C-alpha atoms as a PDB file:
ATOM      1  CA  MET A   1      34.926  -9.038 -20.249  1.00  0.00           C
ATOM      2  CA  LYS A   2      36.817  -6.388 -18.308  1.00  0.00           C
ATOM      3  CA  LYS A   3      34.268  -3.734 -19.271  1.00  0.00           C
ATOM      4  CA  PHE A   4      31.424  -6.022 -18.184  1.00  0.00           C
ATOM      5  CA  LEU A   5      33.076  -6.639 -14.795  1.00  0.00           C
ATOM      6  CA  LEU A   6      33.618  -2.908 -14.326  1.00  0.00           C
ATOM      7  CA  TRP A   7      29.968  -2.246 -15.193  1.00  0.00           C
ATOM      8  CA  LEU A   8      28.875  -5.000 -12.814  1.00  0.00           C
ATOM      9  CA  ASP A   9      31.035  -3.531 -10.068  1.00  0.00           C
ATOM     10  CA  GLU A  10      29.509  -0.068 -10.527  1.00  0.00           C
ATOM     11  CA  SER A  11      25.987  -1.486 -10.627  1.00  0.00           C
ATOM     12  CA  ALA A  12      26.553  -3.487  -7.447  1.00  0.00           C
ATOM     13  CA  LYS A  13      27.956  -0.392  -5.744  1.00  0.00           C
ATOM     14  CA  GLU A  14      24.877   1.638  -6.724  1.00  0.00           C
ATOM     15  CA  ILE A  15      22.549  -1.072  -5.462  1.00  0.00           C
ATOM     16  CA  PHE A  16      24.263  -1.282  -2.066  1.00  0.00           C
ATOM     17  CA  LEU A  17      24.353   2.505  -1.757  1.00  0.00           C
ATOM     18  CA  SER A  18      20.629   2.673  -2.573  1.00  0.00           C
ATOM     19  CA  ILE A  19      19.804  -0.007  -0.007  1.00  0.00           C
ATOM     20  CA  GLY A  20      21.810   1.872   2.599  1.00  0.00           C
ATOM     21  CA  ALA A  21      20.106   5.176   1.746  1.00  0.00           C
ATOM     22  CA  VAL A  22      16.648   3.593   1.994  1.00  0.00           C
ATOM     23  CA  PHE A  23      17.547   1.977   5.327  1.00  0.00           C
ATOM     24  CA  PHE A  24      18.804   5.224   6.876  1.00  0.00           C
ATOM     25  CA  LEU A  25      15.806   7.149   5.521  1.00  0.00           C
ATOM     26  CA  ALA A  26      13.500   4.600   7.164  1.00  0.00           C
ATOM     27  CA  ILE A  27      15.318   4.934  10.498  1.00  0.00           C
ATOM     28  CA  LYS A  28      15.269   8.734  10.390  1.00  0.00           C
ATOM     29  CA  GLY A  29      11.613   8.828   9.330  1.00  0.00           C
ATOM     30  CA  LEU A  30      10.512   6.506  12.142  1.00  0.00           C
ATOM     31  CA  HIS A  31      12.673   8.371  14.645  1.00  0.00           C
ATOM     32  CA  GLY A  32      10.932  11.600  13.677  1.00  0.00           C
ATOM     33  CA  ILE A  33       7.580  10.155  14.752  1.00  0.00           C
ATOM     34  CA  PHE A  34       8.706  10.055  18.391  1.00  0.00           C
ATOM     35  CA  THR A  35      10.699  13.308  18.565  1.00  0.00           C
ATOM     36  CA  ARG A  36       9.558  16.887  18.944  1.00  0.00           C
ATOM     37  CA  PRO A  37       8.268  19.041  17.394  1.00  0.00           C
ATOM     38  CA  PHE A  38       5.167  17.113  16.411  1.00  0.00           C
ATOM     39  CA  ASN A  39       3.216  18.290  13.363  1.00  0.00           C
ATOM     40  CA  PRO A  40      -0.439  17.165  13.710  1.00  0.00           C
ATOM     41  CA  GLY A  41      -1.540  19.627  11.040  1.00  0.00           C
ATOM     42  CA  LEU A  42       0.842  18.171   8.462  1.00  0.00           C
ATOM     43  CA  ILE A  43      -0.153  14.628   9.427  1.00  0.00           C
ATOM     44  CA  LEU A  44      -3.859  15.406   8.988  1.00  0.00           C
ATOM     45  CA  GLN A  45      -3.166  17.079   5.650  1.00  0.00           C
ATOM     46  CA  GLU A  46      -1.251  14.036   4.411  1.00  0.00           C
ATOM     47  CA  ALA A  47      -3.903  11.683   5.796  1.00  0.00           C
ATOM     48  CA  GLU A  48      -6.527  13.526   3.771  1.00  0.00           C
ATOM     49  CA  ASP A  49      -4.410  13.345   0.629  1.00  0.00           C
ATOM     50  CA  ILE A  50      -3.557   9.663   1.050  1.00  0.00           C
ATOM     51  CA  GLY A  51      -6.846   8.462   2.480  1.00  0.00           C
ATOM     52  CA  THR A  52      -9.812  10.600   1.494  1.00  0.00           C
ATOM     53  CA  ARG A  53      -8.687  11.157  -2.084  1.00  0.00           C
ATOM     54  CA  SER A  54      -7.946   7.458  -2.554  1.00  0.00           C
ATOM     55  CA  LEU A  55     -11.260   6.236  -1.109  1.00  0.00           C
ATOM     56  CA  PHE A  56     -13.264   6.206  -4.333  1.00  0.00           C
ATOM     57  CA  LEU A  57     -10.484   4.499  -6.298  1.00  0.00           C
ATOM     58  CA  VAL A  58      -9.920   1.827  -3.658  1.00  0.00           C
ATOM     59  CA  ASN A  59     -13.626   1.084  -3.197  1.00  0.00           C
ATOM     60  CA  THR A  60     -14.249   0.876  -6.943  1.00  0.00           C
ATOM     61  CA  VAL A  61     -11.472  -1.675  -7.371  1.00  0.00           C
ATOM     62  CA  ALA A  62     -12.670  -3.602  -4.298  1.00  0.00           C
ATOM     63  CA  LEU A  63     -16.283  -3.687  -5.517  1.00  0.00           C
ATOM     64  CA  PHE A  64     -15.478  -5.253  -8.858  1.00  0.00           C
ATOM     65  CA  SER A  65     -12.857  -7.546  -7.318  1.00  0.00           C
ATOM     66  CA  GLY A  66     -15.518  -8.916  -4.976  1.00  0.00           C
ATOM     67  CA  MET A  67     -17.936  -9.343  -7.856  1.00  0.00           C
ATOM     68  CA  VAL A  68     -15.362 -11.183  -9.977  1.00  0.00           C
ATOM     69  CA  LEU A  69     -14.399 -13.420  -7.040  1.00  0.00           C
ATOM     70  CA  ALA A  70     -18.027 -14.321  -6.446  1.00  0.00           C
ATOM     71  CA  LEU A  71     -18.717 -14.958 -10.132  1.00  0.00           C
ATOM     72  CA  GLN A  72     -15.672 -17.204 -10.512  1.00  0.00           C
ATOM     73  CA  GLY A  73     -16.352 -18.857  -7.165  1.00  0.00           C
ATOM     74  CA  VAL A  74     -19.924 -19.785  -8.023  1.00  0.00           C
ATOM     75  CA  TYR A  75     -19.001 -21.528 -11.253  1.00  0.00           C
ATOM     76  CA  THR A  76     -15.926 -23.218  -9.782  1.00  0.00           C
ATOM     77  CA  MET A  77     -17.561 -24.395  -6.542  1.00  0.00           C
ATOM     78  CA  LYS A  78     -20.556 -25.816  -8.397  1.00  0.00           C
ATOM     79  CA  ARG A  79     -18.324 -28.749  -9.367  1.00  0.00           C
ATOM     80  CA  TYR A  80     -18.131 -29.713  -5.696  1.00  0.00           C
ATOM     81  CA  GLY A  81     -21.639 -28.719  -4.672  1.00  0.00           C
ATOM     82  CA  ALA A  82     -20.335 -25.907  -2.452  1.00  0.00           C
ATOM     83  CA  GLU A  83     -21.499 -22.884  -4.454  1.00  0.00           C
ATOM     84  CA  PHE A  84     -23.796 -21.728  -1.628  1.00  0.00           C
ATOM     85  CA  TYR A  85     -20.713 -20.966   0.468  1.00  0.00           C
ATOM     86  CA  VAL A  86     -19.325 -18.463  -1.994  1.00  0.00           C
ATOM     87  CA  GLY A  87     -19.540 -15.840   0.760  1.00  0.00           C
ATOM     88  CA  SER A  88     -16.842 -17.691   2.694  1.00  0.00           C
ATOM     89  CA  LEU A  89     -14.560 -17.662  -0.352  1.00  0.00           C
ATOM     90  CA  VAL A  90     -15.063 -13.974  -1.097  1.00  0.00           C
ATOM     91  CA  SER A  91     -14.700 -12.762   2.478  1.00  0.00           C
ATOM     92  CA  LEU A  92     -11.675 -14.893   3.350  1.00  0.00           C
ATOM     93  CA  THR A  93      -9.840 -13.955   0.152  1.00  0.00           C
ATOM     94  CA  LEU A  94     -10.560 -10.256   0.528  1.00  0.00           C
ATOM     95  CA  ILE A  95      -9.836  -9.930   4.237  1.00  0.00           C
ATOM     96  CA  ARG A  96      -6.639 -11.979   4.326  1.00  0.00           C
ATOM     97  CA  GLU A  97      -5.026 -11.145   0.981  1.00  0.00           C
ATOM     98  CA  LEU A  98      -6.758  -9.328  -1.825  1.00  0.00           C
ATOM     99  CA  GLY A  99      -8.109  -6.388   0.174  1.00  0.00           C
ATOM    100  CA  PRO A 100      -4.788  -5.351   1.757  1.00  0.00           C
ATOM    101  CA  VAL A 101      -2.704  -5.957  -1.378  1.00  0.00           C
ATOM    102  CA  LEU A 102      -5.023  -4.233  -3.861  1.00  0.00           C
ATOM    103  CA  THR A 103      -5.495  -1.298  -1.504  1.00  0.00           C
ATOM    104  CA  ALA A 104      -1.737  -0.900  -1.071  1.00  0.00           C
ATOM    105  CA  ILE A 105      -1.036  -1.087  -4.808  1.00  0.00           C
ATOM    106  CA  MET A 106      -3.793   1.415  -5.648  1.00  0.00           C
ATOM    107  CA  VAL A 107      -2.704   3.856  -2.945  1.00  0.00           C
ATOM    108  CA  GLY A 108       0.932   3.343  -3.931  1.00  0.00           C
ATOM    109  CA  GLY A 109       0.128   4.168  -7.543  1.00  0.00           C
ATOM    110  CA  ARG A 110      -1.831   7.296  -6.641  1.00  0.00           C
ATOM    111  CA  ALA A 111      -0.315   8.672  -3.423  1.00  0.00           C
ATOM    112  CA  GLY A 112       3.175   7.166  -3.725  1.00  0.00           C
ATOM    113  CA  SER A 113       3.681   8.692  -7.142  1.00  0.00           C
ATOM    114  CA  GLY A 114       2.371  11.999  -5.797  1.00  0.00           C
ATOM    115  CA  MET A 115       4.927  11.953  -2.980  1.00  0.00           C
ATOM    116  CA  ALA A 116       7.775  11.269  -5.401  1.00  0.00           C
ATOM    117  CA  ALA A 117       6.629  14.005  -7.789  1.00  0.00           C
ATOM    118  CA  GLU A 118       6.054  16.630  -5.108  1.00  0.00           C
ATOM    119  CA  ILE A 119       9.287  16.048  -3.191  1.00  0.00           C
ATOM    120  CA  GLY A 120      11.196  15.539  -6.443  1.00  0.00           C
ATOM    121  CA  SER A 121      10.014  18.932  -7.697  1.00  0.00           C
ATOM    122  CA  MET A 122      11.165  20.499  -4.436  1.00  0.00           C
ATOM    123  CA  GLN A 123      14.527  18.768  -4.807  1.00  0.00           C
ATOM    124  CA  VAL A 124      15.256  19.924  -8.356  1.00  0.00           C
ATOM    125  CA  THR A 125      14.172  23.502  -7.556  1.00  0.00           C
ATOM    126  CA  GLU A 126      16.486  23.495  -4.485  1.00  0.00           C
ATOM    127  CA  GLN A 127      13.663  24.092  -2.012  1.00  0.00           C
ATOM    128  CA  ILE A 128      14.939  21.251   0.181  1.00  0.00           C
ATOM    129  CA  ASP A 129      18.401  22.840   0.271  1.00  0.00           C
ATOM    130  CA  ALA A 130      16.743  26.078   1.323  1.00  0.00           C
ATOM    131  CA  MET A 131      14.980  24.252   4.165  1.00  0.00           C
ATOM    132  CA  ARG A 132      18.321  22.928   5.388  1.00  0.00           C
ATOM    133  CA  ALA A 133      19.835  26.427   5.150  1.00  0.00           C
ATOM    134  CA  LEU A 134      17.038  27.782   7.350  1.00  0.00           C
ATOM    135  CA  GLY A 135      17.731  25.102   9.967  1.00  0.00           C
ATOM    136  CA  ALA A 136      14.688  22.917   9.247  1.00  0.00           C
ATOM    137  CA  ASN A 137      14.908  19.132   9.043  1.00  0.00           C
ATOM    138  CA  PRO A 138      13.558  17.969   5.641  1.00  0.00           C
ATOM    139  CA  ILE A 139      13.058  14.410   6.919  1.00  0.00           C
ATOM    140  CA  LYS A 140      10.963  15.640   9.847  1.00  0.00           C
ATOM    141  CA  LYS A 141       8.961  18.016   7.642  1.00  0.00           C
ATOM    142  CA  LEU A 142       8.489  15.918   4.511  1.00  0.00           C
ATOM    143  CA  VAL A 143       8.986  12.227   5.285  1.00  0.00           C
ATOM    144  CA  THR A 144       7.717  11.650   8.828  1.00  0.00           C
ATOM    145  CA  PRO A 145       4.197  13.129   8.337  1.00  0.00           C
ATOM    146  CA  ARG A 146       3.685  11.101   5.157  1.00  0.00           C
ATOM    147  CA  MET A 147       5.002   7.942   6.778  1.00  0.00           C
ATOM    148  CA  LEU A 148       2.793   8.220   9.853  1.00  0.00           C
ATOM    149  CA  ALA A 149      -0.278   9.233   7.842  1.00  0.00           C
ATOM    150  CA  ALA A 150       0.118   6.281   5.462  1.00  0.00           C
ATOM    151  CA  MET A 151       0.523   3.832   8.350  1.00  0.00           C
ATOM    152  CA  ILE A 152      -2.669   5.151   9.967  1.00  0.00           C
ATOM    153  CA  VAL A 153      -4.841   5.572   6.881  1.00  0.00           C
ATOM    154  CA  LEU A 154      -4.089   2.379   4.974  1.00  0.00           C
ATOM    155  CA  PRO A 155      -5.747   0.037   7.538  1.00  0.00           C
ATOM    156  CA  LEU A 156      -8.875   2.224   7.432  1.00  0.00           C
ATOM    157  CA  LEU A 157      -8.945   2.120   3.632  1.00  0.00           C
ATOM    158  CA  THR A 158      -8.517  -1.650   3.750  1.00  0.00           C
ATOM    159  CA  VAL A 159     -11.505  -2.070   6.084  1.00  0.00           C
ATOM    160  CA  SER A 160     -13.592   0.007   3.682  1.00  0.00           C
ATOM    161  CA  ALA A 161     -12.347  -2.063   0.719  1.00  0.00           C
ATOM    162  CA  ASP A 162     -13.175  -5.328   2.520  1.00  0.00           C
ATOM    163  CA  ILE A 163     -16.729  -4.210   3.245  1.00  0.00           C
ATOM    164  CA  VAL A 164     -17.355  -2.944  -0.289  1.00  0.00           C
ATOM    165  CA  GLY A 165     -15.798  -6.074  -1.819  1.00  0.00           C
ATOM    166  CA  ILE A 166     -17.971  -8.370   0.299  1.00  0.00           C
ATOM    167  CA  PHE A 167     -21.008  -6.333  -0.754  1.00  0.00           C
ATOM    168  CA  GLY A 168     -20.004  -6.814  -4.402  1.00  0.00           C
ATOM    169  CA  GLY A 169     -19.849 -10.557  -3.794  1.00  0.00           C
ATOM    170  CA  LEU A 170     -23.309 -10.407  -2.208  1.00  0.00           C
ATOM    171  CA  VAL A 171     -24.784  -8.743  -5.300  1.00  0.00           C
ATOM    172  CA  ILE A 172     -23.466 -11.508  -7.552  1.00  0.00           C
ATOM    173  CA  ALA A 173     -24.425 -14.290  -5.122  1.00  0.00           C
ATOM    174  CA  LEU A 174     -28.018 -13.067  -4.902  1.00  0.00           C
ATOM    175  CA  HIS A 175     -28.194 -12.856  -8.692  1.00  0.00           C
ATOM    176  CA  GLU A 176     -26.620 -16.236  -9.435  1.00  0.00           C
ATOM    177  CA  LEU A 177     -27.846 -18.387  -6.528  1.00  0.00           C
ATOM    178  CA  PRO A 178     -31.184 -19.063  -4.775  1.00  0.00           C
ATOM    179  CA  ILE A 179     -29.969 -17.705  -1.431  1.00  0.00           C
ATOM    180  CA  ASP A 180     -30.830 -14.682   0.692  1.00  0.00           C
ATOM    181  CA  THR A 181     -28.711 -12.026   2.352  1.00  0.00           C
ATOM    182  CA  ASN A 182     -28.835 -13.659   5.797  1.00  0.00           C
ATOM    183  CA  PHE A 183     -27.443 -16.948   4.500  1.00  0.00           C
ATOM    184  CA  TYR A 184     -24.608 -15.142   2.694  1.00  0.00           C
ATOM    185  CA  LEU A 185     -23.700 -13.170   5.801  1.00  0.00           C
ATOM    186  CA  ASN A 186     -23.947 -16.227   8.070  1.00  0.00           C
ATOM    187  CA  THR A 187     -21.402 -18.094   5.940  1.00  0.00           C
ATOM    188  CA  ILE A 188     -19.061 -15.135   6.447  1.00  0.00           C
ATOM    189  CA  TRP A 189     -19.522 -15.013  10.253  1.00  0.00           C
ATOM    190  CA  THR A 190     -18.835 -18.736  10.546  1.00  0.00           C
ATOM    191  CA  THR A 191     -15.691 -18.524   8.374  1.00  0.00           C
ATOM    192  CA  ILE A 192     -13.856 -15.346   9.325  1.00  0.00           C
ATOM    193  CA  THR A 193     -11.993 -15.269  12.623  1.00  0.00           C
ATOM    194  CA  MET A 194     -10.370 -12.387  14.445  1.00  0.00           C
ATOM    195  CA  ASP A 195      -6.954 -13.757  13.429  1.00  0.00           C
ATOM    196  CA  ASP A 196      -7.913 -13.441   9.758  1.00  0.00           C
ATOM    197  CA  PHE A 197      -9.032  -9.862  10.257  1.00  0.00           C
ATOM    198  CA  LEU A 198      -5.982  -8.810  12.286  1.00  0.00           C
ATOM    199  CA  SER A 199      -3.521 -10.463   9.912  1.00  0.00           C
ATOM    200  CA  GLY A 200      -4.952  -8.478   7.003  1.00  0.00           C
ATOM    201  CA  LEU A 201      -4.830  -5.200   8.927  1.00  0.00           C
ATOM    202  CA  GLY A 202      -1.358  -5.935  10.265  1.00  0.00           C
ATOM    203  CA  LYS A 203      -0.016  -6.140   6.736  1.00  0.00           C
ATOM    204  CA  THR A 204      -1.468  -2.772   5.778  1.00  0.00           C
ATOM    205  CA  VAL A 205       0.504  -0.913   8.449  1.00  0.00           C
ATOM    206  CA  PHE A 206       3.729  -2.212   6.917  1.00  0.00           C
ATOM    207  CA  PHE A 207       2.427  -1.567   3.382  1.00  0.00           C
ATOM    208  CA  GLY A 208       1.713   2.055   4.315  1.00  0.00           C
ATOM    209  CA  PHE A 209       5.238   2.389   5.642  1.00  0.00           C
ATOM    210  CA  LEU A 210       6.665   1.054   2.368  1.00  0.00           C
ATOM    211  CA  ILE A 211       4.525   3.380   0.245  1.00  0.00           C
ATOM    212  CA  ALA A 212       5.706   6.480   2.106  1.00  0.00           C
ATOM    213  CA  LEU A 213       9.300   5.255   2.342  1.00  0.00           C
ATOM    214  CA  PHE A 214       9.833   4.623  -1.370  1.00  0.00           C
ATOM    215  CA  GLY A 215       7.713   7.568  -2.479  1.00  0.00           C
ATOM    216  CA  CYS A 216       9.799   9.947  -0.355  1.00  0.00           C
ATOM    217  CA  TYR A 217      13.095   8.212  -1.175  1.00  0.00           C
ATOM    218  CA  TYR A 218      12.742   8.609  -4.938  1.00  0.00           C
ATOM    219  CA  GLY A 219      11.605  12.191  -4.434  1.00  0.00           C
ATOM    220  CA  LEU A 220      14.578  13.137  -2.268  1.00  0.00           C
ATOM    221  CA  TYR A 221      17.078  11.562  -4.658  1.00  0.00           C
ATOM    222  CA  THR A 222      15.632  13.067  -7.821  1.00  0.00           C
ATOM    223  CA  LYS A 223      18.164  14.424 -10.315  1.00  0.00           C
ATOM    224  CA  GLY A 224      17.961  15.842 -13.820  1.00  0.00           C
ATOM    225  CA  GLY A 225      15.264  18.522 -13.690  1.00  0.00           C
ATOM    226  CA  THR A 226      11.690  17.874 -14.796  1.00  0.00           C
ATOM    227  CA  MET A 227      12.665  14.722 -16.690  1.00  0.00           C
ATOM    228  CA  GLY A 228      14.193  13.404 -13.492  1.00  0.00           C
ATOM    229  CA  VAL A 229      10.907  14.005 -11.661  1.00  0.00           C
ATOM    230  CA  GLY A 230       9.126  11.847 -14.243  1.00  0.00           C
ATOM    231  CA  ARG A 231      11.686   9.070 -13.875  1.00  0.00           C
ATOM    232  CA  SER A 232      11.472   9.196 -10.080  1.00  0.00           C
ATOM    233  CA  THR A 233       7.681   8.959 -10.198  1.00  0.00           C
ATOM    234  CA  THR A 234       7.812   5.906 -12.450  1.00  0.00           C
ATOM    235  CA  LYS A 235      10.459   4.211 -10.310  1.00  0.00           C
ATOM    236  CA  ALA A 236       8.458   4.905  -7.157  1.00  0.00           C
ATOM    237  CA  VAL A 237       5.288   3.254  -8.495  1.00  0.00           C
ATOM    238  CA  VAL A 238       7.137   0.182  -9.796  1.00  0.00           C
ATOM    239  CA  THR A 239       9.208  -0.246  -6.634  1.00  0.00           C
ATOM    240  CA  ILE A 240       6.203   0.161  -4.339  1.00  0.00           C
ATOM    241  CA  SER A 241       4.210  -2.457  -6.275  1.00  0.00           C
ATOM    242  CA  ILE A 242       7.068  -4.958  -6.197  1.00  0.00           C
ATOM    243  CA  ALA A 243       7.843  -4.258  -2.527  1.00  0.00           C
ATOM    244  CA  VAL A 244       4.196  -4.764  -1.544  1.00  0.00           C
ATOM    245  CA  LEU A 245       3.948  -8.106  -3.345  1.00  0.00           C
ATOM    246  CA  ILE A 246       7.262  -9.418  -2.004  1.00  0.00           C
ATOM    247  CA  SER A 247       6.594  -8.286   1.567  1.00  0.00           C
ATOM    248  CA  ASP A 248       3.080  -9.764   1.391  1.00  0.00           C
ATOM    249  CA  PHE A 249       4.571 -13.237   0.958  1.00  0.00           C
ATOM    250  CA  PHE A 250       6.833 -12.918   3.996  1.00  0.00           C
ATOM    251  CA  LEU A 251       4.160 -11.271   6.140  1.00  0.00           C
ATOM    252  CA  THR A 252       1.664 -13.985   5.226  1.00  0.00           C
ATOM    253  CA  LYS A 253       4.187 -16.634   6.224  1.00  0.00           C
ATOM    254  CA  LEU A 254       4.850 -14.800   9.491  1.00  0.00           C
ATOM    255  CA  PHE A 255       1.172 -14.467  10.420  1.00  0.00           C
ATOM    256  CA  LEU A 256       0.527 -18.124   9.585  1.00  0.00           C
ATOM    257  CA  ILE A 257       3.324 -19.128  11.964  1.00  0.00           C
ATOM    258  CA  LEU A 258       2.007 -16.840  14.699  1.00  0.00           C
END
């Protein structure tokens, strides 16, 4: 029992220390956005890595998600005679929830793991210590550009995913139902409001922040050589996925209240 309590005490201490480290990293990273020197070149480079290289992956997932939603929606809504309004179901689900969440998880798995691996490799090879010795700020150089780029790029990726997903739903609707493109699109225009669109995009800014925050955090606190880099990468992907899903609940509740 004593050993268990000691283990529990150490585990609790590590958890609180980790929460504190993440909190201070977030503050320092956000503070770096508004302080000189600004690094537009680094931001553009990170935006290309996070956004452009994730575009195909995100759109592929969105396309088949929209197709599956439409296929399930048609057969489910037939019970109530509402199958012709499958466009409303697909668009509302994608724009409010599925588009932002799937985009964040896909980008977190690809770009978040890359951040953890790259910064973790720099940490174990003492390149970050060398930066500090030369008077450079590692947070300003490594964390802030990734954080800002992710917060800018993720809403753009989500818009692309929403459009591609709705198109996937259109393909299935035209194949399964005797409707035309205009009817499908009209059901979308009459269903989606600006509040729906803005609530989905609002989430993605916070999701992008979380992706960069946890990706950089696990990279900066990597220990144990190359094996440690692998562990940090795995932890980053798992933590980002969980953080996105948990924060999505609270953000959805917030936007519904507003």
